[in-house]
Amino acid sequence: MPALAPLHTAQYVLDLRARTAEEYPQDEEARERVFSDTVRTAWVQGEPWAQEWVQAATGRSTA
């Protein structure tokens, strides 16, 4: 599977953030929990966007 372009990953994360903001407009803690859970689940499942995001966020390789 080809690597995702950083723009694709950034757009995916922005969309996820927007959806959680719509679902939990007054609850920042819930937004962060849902975002983190979604990224964690996608990372465990090997989703390229999540692996790229975790690598960028932590500054470490996910390999």
PDB file of N, CA and C in Angstrom:
ATOM      1  N   MET A   1       0.852  -1.179   0.000  1.00  0.00           N
ATOM      2  CA  MET A   1       0.000   0.000   0.000  1.00  0.00           C
ATOM      3  C   MET A   1       0.898   1.242   0.000  1.00  0.00           C
ATOM      4  N   PRO A   2       0.656   2.185  -0.899  1.00  0.00           N
ATOM      5  CA  PRO A   2       1.495   3.388  -0.944  1.00  0.00           C
ATOM      6  C   PRO A   2       1.276   4.265   0.273  1.00  0.00           C
ATOM      7  N   ALA A   3       2.322   4.979   0.648  1.00  0.00           N
ATOM      8  CA  ALA A   3       2.230   5.892   1.785  1.00  0.00           C
ATOM      9  C   ALA A   3       1.285   7.045   1.453  1.00  0.00           C
ATOM     10  N   LEU A   4       0.591   7.510   2.456  1.00  0.00           N
ATOM     11  CA  LEU A   4      -0.301   8.653   2.266  1.00  0.00           C
ATOM     12  C   LEU A   4       0.497   9.938   2.214  1.00  0.00           C
ATOM     13  N   ALA A   5       0.017  10.859   1.453  1.00  0.00           N
ATOM     14  CA  ALA A   5       0.628  12.182   1.454  1.00  0.00           C
ATOM     15  C   ALA A   5       0.280  12.870   2.771  1.00  0.00           C
ATOM     16  N   PRO A   6       1.196  13.666   3.328  1.00  0.00           N
ATOM     17  CA  PRO A   6       0.901  14.352   4.583  1.00  0.00           C
ATOM     18  C   PRO A   6      -0.389  15.164   4.537  1.00  0.00           C
ATOM     19  N   LEU A   7      -0.709  15.737   3.386  1.00  0.00           N
ATOM     20  CA  LEU A   7      -1.929  16.526   3.280  1.00  0.00           C
ATOM     21  C   LEU A   7      -3.155  15.648   3.507  1.00  0.00           C
ATOM     22  N   HIS A   8      -3.134  14.428   2.981  1.00  0.00           N
ATOM     23  CA  HIS A   8      -4.248  13.509   3.174  1.00  0.00           C
ATOM     24  C   HIS A   8      -4.442  13.221   4.661  1.00  0.00           C
ATOM     25  N   THR A   9      -3.367  12.925   5.363  1.00  0.00           N
ATOM     26  CA  THR A   9      -3.446  12.641   6.795  1.00  0.00           C
ATOM     27  C   THR A   9      -3.937  13.868   7.548  1.00  0.00           C
ATOM     28  N   ALA A  10      -3.402  15.029   7.226  1.00  0.00           N
ATOM     29  CA  ALA A  10      -3.826  16.259   7.901  1.00  0.00           C
ATOM     30  C   ALA A  10      -5.307  16.517   7.674  1.00  0.00           C
ATOM     31  N   GLN A  11      -5.782  16.317   6.462  1.00  0.00           N
ATOM     32  CA  GLN A  11      -7.198  16.529   6.175  1.00  0.00           C
ATOM     33  C   GLN A  11      -8.062  15.536   6.935  1.00  0.00           C
ATOM     34  N   TYR A  12      -7.623  14.292   7.021  1.00  0.00           N
ATOM     35  CA  TYR A  12      -8.373  13.275   7.752  1.00  0.00           C
ATOM     36  C   TYR A  12      -8.494  13.675   9.220  1.00  0.00           C
ATOM     37  N   VAL A  13      -7.384  14.132   9.802  1.00  0.00           N
ATOM     38  CA  VAL A  13      -7.388  14.537  11.210  1.00  0.00           C
ATOM     39  C   VAL A  13      -8.267  15.776  11.409  1.00  0.00           C
ATOM     40  N   LEU A  14      -8.177  16.734  10.505  1.00  0.00           N
ATOM     41  CA  LEU A  14      -9.038  17.928  10.607  1.00  0.00           C
ATOM     42  C   LEU A  14     -10.518  17.554  10.522  1.00  0.00           C
ATOM     43  N   ASP A  15     -10.851  16.636   9.635  1.00  0.00           N
ATOM     44  CA  ASP A  15     -12.237  16.178   9.518  1.00  0.00           C
ATOM     45  C   ASP A  15     -12.689  15.477  10.796  1.00  0.00           C
ATOM     46  N   LEU A  16     -11.824  14.642  11.358  1.00  0.00           N
ATOM     47  CA  LEU A  16     -12.151  13.956  12.606  1.00  0.00           C
ATOM     48  C   LEU A  16     -12.370  14.963  13.729  1.00  0.00           C
ATOM     49  N   ARG A  17     -11.494  15.960  13.812  1.00  0.00           N
ATOM     50  CA  ARG A  17     -11.657  17.010  14.834  1.00  0.00           C
ATOM     51  C   ARG A  17     -12.976  17.763  14.638  1.00  0.00           C
ATOM     52  N   ALA A  18     -13.318  18.071  13.400  1.00  0.00           N
ATOM     53  CA  ALA A  18     -14.563  18.793  13.117  1.00  0.00           C
ATOM     54  C   ALA A  18     -15.781  17.956  13.508  1.00  0.00           C
ATOM     55  N   ARG A  19     -15.737  16.665  13.195  1.00  0.00           N
ATOM     56  CA  ARG A  19     -16.873  15.791  13.556  1.00  0.00           C
ATOM     57  C   ARG A  19     -17.037  15.696  15.061  1.00  0.00           C
ATOM     58  N   THR A  20     -15.929  15.575  15.784  1.00  0.00           N
ATOM     59  CA  THR A  20     -16.052  15.480  17.242  1.00  0.00           C
ATOM     60  C   THR A  20     -16.533  16.801  17.835  1.00  0.00           C
ATOM     61  N   ALA A  21     -16.139  17.916  17.235  1.00  0.00           N
ATOM     62  CA  ALA A  21     -16.617  19.224  17.711  1.00  0.00           C
ATOM     63  C   ALA A  21     -18.119  19.368  17.491  1.00  0.00           C
ATOM     64  N   GLU A  22     -18.618  18.814  16.387  1.00  0.00           N
ATOM     65  CA  GLU A  22     -20.060  18.851  16.128  1.00  0.00           C
ATOM     66  C   GLU A  22     -20.819  17.960  17.114  1.00  0.00           C
ATOM     67  N   GLU A  23     -20.245  16.806  17.414  1.00  0.00           N
ATOM     68  CA  GLU A  23     -20.911  15.851  18.302  1.00  0.00           C
ATOM     69  C   GLU A  23     -20.878  16.288  19.764  1.00  0.00           C
ATOM     70  N   TYR A  24     -19.809  16.972  20.165  1.00  0.00           N
ATOM     71  CA  TYR A  24     -19.625  17.375  21.561  1.00  0.00           C
ATOM     72  C   TYR A  24     -19.236  18.855  21.633  1.00  0.00           C
ATOM     73  N   PRO A  25     -20.123  19.748  21.229  1.00  0.00           N
ATOM     74  CA  PRO A  25     -19.750  21.166  21.136  1.00  0.00           C
ATOM     75  C   PRO A  25     -19.382  21.816  22.474  1.00  0.00           C
ATOM     76  N   GLN A  26     -19.900  21.318  23.563  1.00  0.00           N
ATOM     77  CA  GLN A  26     -19.641  21.943  24.864  1.00  0.00           C
ATOM     78  C   GLN A  26     -18.735  21.107  25.761  1.00  0.00           C
ATOM     79  N   ASP A  27     -18.170  20.030  25.243  1.00  0.00           N
ATOM     80  CA  ASP A  27     -17.414  19.103  26.091  1.00  0.00           C
ATOM     81  C   ASP A  27     -16.050  18.786  25.482  1.00  0.00           C
ATOM     82  N   GLU A  28     -15.075  19.605  25.814  1.00  0.00           N
ATOM     83  CA  GLU A  28     -13.731  19.420  25.255  1.00  0.00           C
ATOM     84  C   GLU A  28     -13.119  18.095  25.683  1.00  0.00           C
ATOM     85  N   GLU A  29     -13.366  17.681  26.906  1.00  0.00           N
ATOM     86  CA  GLU A  29     -12.830  16.411  27.390  1.00  0.00           C
ATOM     87  C   GLU A  29     -13.367  15.236  26.558  1.00  0.00           C
ATOM     88  N   ALA A  30     -14.653  15.265  26.255  1.00  0.00           N
ATOM     89  CA  ALA A  30     -15.250  14.211  25.426  1.00  0.00           C
ATOM     90  C   ALA A  30     -14.666  14.241  24.025  1.00  0.00           C
ATOM     91  N   ARG A  31     -14.469  15.428  23.463  1.00  0.00           N
ATOM     92  CA  ARG A  31     -13.879  15.536  22.124  1.00  0.00           C
ATOM     93  C   ARG A  31     -12.498  14.902  22.093  1.00  0.00           C
ATOM     94  N   GLU A  32     -11.676  15.204  23.091  1.00  0.00           N
ATOM     95  CA  GLU A  32     -10.323  14.657  23.142  1.00  0.00           C
ATOM     96  C   GLU A  32     -10.346  13.151  23.344  1.00  0.00           C
ATOM     97  N   ARG A  33     -11.257  12.669  24.175  1.00  0.00           N
ATOM     98  CA  ARG A  33     -11.359  11.234  24.421  1.00  0.00           C
ATOM     99  C   ARG A  33     -11.754  10.495  23.138  1.00  0.00           C
ATOM    100  N   VAL A  34     -12.757  11.001  22.436  1.00  0.00           N
ATOM    101  CA  VAL A  34     -13.208  10.368  21.196  1.00  0.00           C
ATOM    102  C   VAL A  34     -12.105  10.428  20.141  1.00  0.00           C
ATOM    103  N   PHE A  35     -11.440  11.574  20.017  1.00  0.00           N
ATOM    104  CA  PHE A  35     -10.348  11.702  19.057  1.00  0.00           C
ATOM    105  C   PHE A  35      -9.249  10.683  19.358  1.00  0.00           C
ATOM    106  N   SER A  36      -8.813  10.636  20.608  1.00  0.00           N
ATOM    107  CA  SER A  36      -7.736   9.717  20.999  1.00  0.00           C
ATOM    108  C   SER A  36      -8.137   8.265  20.789  1.00  0.00           C
ATOM    109  N   ASP A  37      -9.349   7.921  21.165  1.00  0.00           N
ATOM    110  CA  ASP A  37      -9.828   6.545  20.986  1.00  0.00           C
ATOM    111  C   ASP A  37      -9.880   6.170  19.507  1.00  0.00           C
ATOM    112  N   THR A  38     -10.326   7.110  18.677  1.00  0.00           N
ATOM    113  CA  THR A  38     -10.423   6.843  17.240  1.00  0.00           C
ATOM    114  C   THR A  38      -9.039   6.652  16.632  1.00  0.00           C
ATOM    115  N   VAL A  39      -8.102   7.519  16.987  1.00  0.00           N
ATOM    116  CA  VAL A  39      -6.734   7.392  16.474  1.00  0.00           C
ATOM    117  C   VAL A  39      -6.113   6.092  16.965  1.00  0.00           C
ATOM    118  N   ARG A  40      -6.280   5.794  18.242  1.00  0.00           N
ATOM    119  CA  ARG A  40      -5.703   4.570  18.814  1.00  0.00           C
ATOM    120  C   ARG A  40      -6.244   3.321  18.097  1.00  0.00           C
ATOM    121  N   THR A  41      -7.541   3.264  17.901  1.00  0.00           N
ATOM    122  CA  THR A  41      -8.153   2.121  17.227  1.00  0.00           C
ATOM    123  C   THR A  41      -7.640   1.990  15.795  1.00  0.00           C
ATOM    124  N   ALA A  42      -7.583   3.109  15.091  1.00  0.00           N
ATOM    125  CA  ALA A  42      -7.102   3.090  13.706  1.00  0.00           C
ATOM    126  C   ALA A  42      -5.634   2.692  13.649  1.00  0.00           C
ATOM    127  N   TRP A  43      -4.829   3.158  14.605  1.00  0.00           N
ATOM    128  CA  TRP A  43      -3.412   2.815  14.642  1.00  0.00           C
ATOM    129  C   TRP A  43      -3.232   1.311  14.853  1.00  0.00           C
ATOM    130  N   VAL A  44      -3.973   0.750  15.793  1.00  0.00           N
ATOM    131  CA  VAL A  44      -3.896  -0.682  16.067  1.00  0.00           C
ATOM    132  C   VAL A  44      -4.316  -1.489  14.843  1.00  0.00           C
ATOM    133  N   GLN A  45      -5.279  -0.990  14.090  1.00  0.00           N
ATOM    134  CA  GLN A  45      -5.758  -1.675  12.891  1.00  0.00           C
ATOM    135  C   GLN A  45      -4.847  -1.450  11.684  1.00  0.00           C
ATOM    136  N   GLY A  46      -3.803  -0.658  11.866  1.00  0.00           N
ATOM    137  CA  GLY A  46      -2.839  -0.445  10.796  1.00  0.00           C
ATOM    138  C   GLY A  46      -3.237   0.598   9.769  1.00  0.00           C
ATOM    139  N   GLU A  47      -4.156   1.479  10.134  1.00  0.00           N
ATOM    140  CA  GLU A  47      -4.579   2.533   9.203  1.00  0.00           C
ATOM    141  C   GLU A  47      -3.398   3.477   8.943  1.00  0.00           C
ATOM    142  N   PRO A  48      -3.024   3.681   7.682  1.00  0.00           N
ATOM    143  CA  PRO A  48      -1.862   4.524   7.377  1.00  0.00           C
ATOM    144  C   PRO A  48      -1.968   5.949   7.937  1.00  0.00           C
ATOM    145  N   TRP A  49      -3.159   6.562   7.869  1.00  0.00           N
ATOM    146  CA  TRP A  49      -3.288   7.935   8.353  1.00  0.00           C
ATOM    147  C   TRP A  49      -2.992   8.001   9.849  1.00  0.00           C
ATOM    148  N   ALA A  50      -3.443   7.000  10.605  1.00  0.00           N
ATOM    149  CA  ALA A  50      -3.231   7.006  12.056  1.00  0.00           C
ATOM    150  C   ALA A  50      -1.767   6.764  12.385  1.00  0.00           C
ATOM    151  N   GLN A  51      -1.137   5.858  11.663  1.00  0.00           N
ATOM    152  CA  GLN A  51       0.280   5.599  11.898  1.00  0.00           C
ATOM    153  C   GLN A  51       1.107   6.841  11.589  1.00  0.00           C
ATOM    154  N   GLU A  52       0.768   7.515  10.511  1.00  0.00           N
ATOM    155  CA  GLU A  52       1.482   8.745  10.143  1.00  0.00           C
ATOM    156  C   GLU A  52       1.260   9.837  11.193  1.00  0.00           C
ATOM    157  N   TRP A  53       0.034   9.948  11.677  1.00  0.00           N
ATOM    158  CA  TRP A  53      -0.289  10.958  12.686  1.00  0.00           C
ATOM    159  C   TRP A  53       0.468  10.694  13.982  1.00  0.00           C
ATOM    160  N   VAL A  54       0.472   9.445  14.427  1.00  0.00           N
ATOM    161  CA  VAL A  54       1.178   9.101  15.668  1.00  0.00           C
ATOM    162  C   VAL A  54       2.668   9.370  15.511  1.00  0.00           C
ATOM    163  N   GLN A  55       3.216   9.002  14.369  1.00  0.00           N
ATOM    164  CA  GLN A  55       4.639   9.248  14.140  1.00  0.00           C
ATOM    165  C   GLN A  55       4.943  10.745  14.189  1.00  0.00           C
ATOM    166  N   ALA A  56       4.122  11.542  13.553  1.00  0.00           N
ATOM    167  CA  ALA A  56       4.333  13.001  13.548  1.00  0.00           C
ATOM    168  C   ALA A  56       4.139  13.588  14.940  1.00  0.00           C
ATOM    169  N   ALA A  57       3.142  13.108  15.653  1.00  0.00           N
ATOM    170  CA  ALA A  57       2.825  13.656  16.973  1.00  0.00           C
ATOM    171  C   ALA A  57       3.876  13.306  18.017  1.00  0.00           C
ATOM    172  N   THR A  58       4.491  12.136  17.874  1.00  0.00           N
ATOM    173  CA  THR A  58       5.470  11.700  18.868  1.00  0.00           C
ATOM    174  C   THR A  58       6.908  11.911  18.428  1.00  0.00           C
ATOM    175  N   GLY A  59       7.083  12.167  17.126  1.00  0.00           N
ATOM    176  CA  GLY A  59       8.435  12.353  16.605  1.00  0.00           C
ATOM    177  C   GLY A  59       9.213  11.048  16.541  1.00  0.00           C
ATOM    178  N   ARG A  60       8.482   9.928  16.582  1.00  0.00           N
ATOM    179  CA  ARG A  60       9.132   8.616  16.546  1.00  0.00           C
ATOM    180  C   ARG A  60       8.567   7.795  15.396  1.00  0.00           C
ATOM    181  N   SER A  61       9.336   6.806  15.004  1.00  0.00           N
ATOM    182  CA  SER A  61       8.877   5.877  13.972  1.00  0.00           C
ATOM    183  C   SER A  61       7.885   4.900  14.579  1.00  0.00           C
ATOM    184  N   THR A  62       6.857   4.535  13.810  1.00  0.00           N
ATOM    185  CA  THR A  62       5.867   3.560  14.290  1.00  0.00           C
ATOM    186  C   THR A  62       6.191   2.173  13.789  1.00  0.00           C
ATOM    187  N   ALA A  63       7.307   2.010  13.095  1.00  0.00           N
ATOM    188  CA  ALA A  63       7.679   0.699  12.538  1.00  0.00           C
ATOM    189  C   ALA A  63       8.162  -0.226  13.630  1.00  0.00           C
TER     190      ALA A  63
END
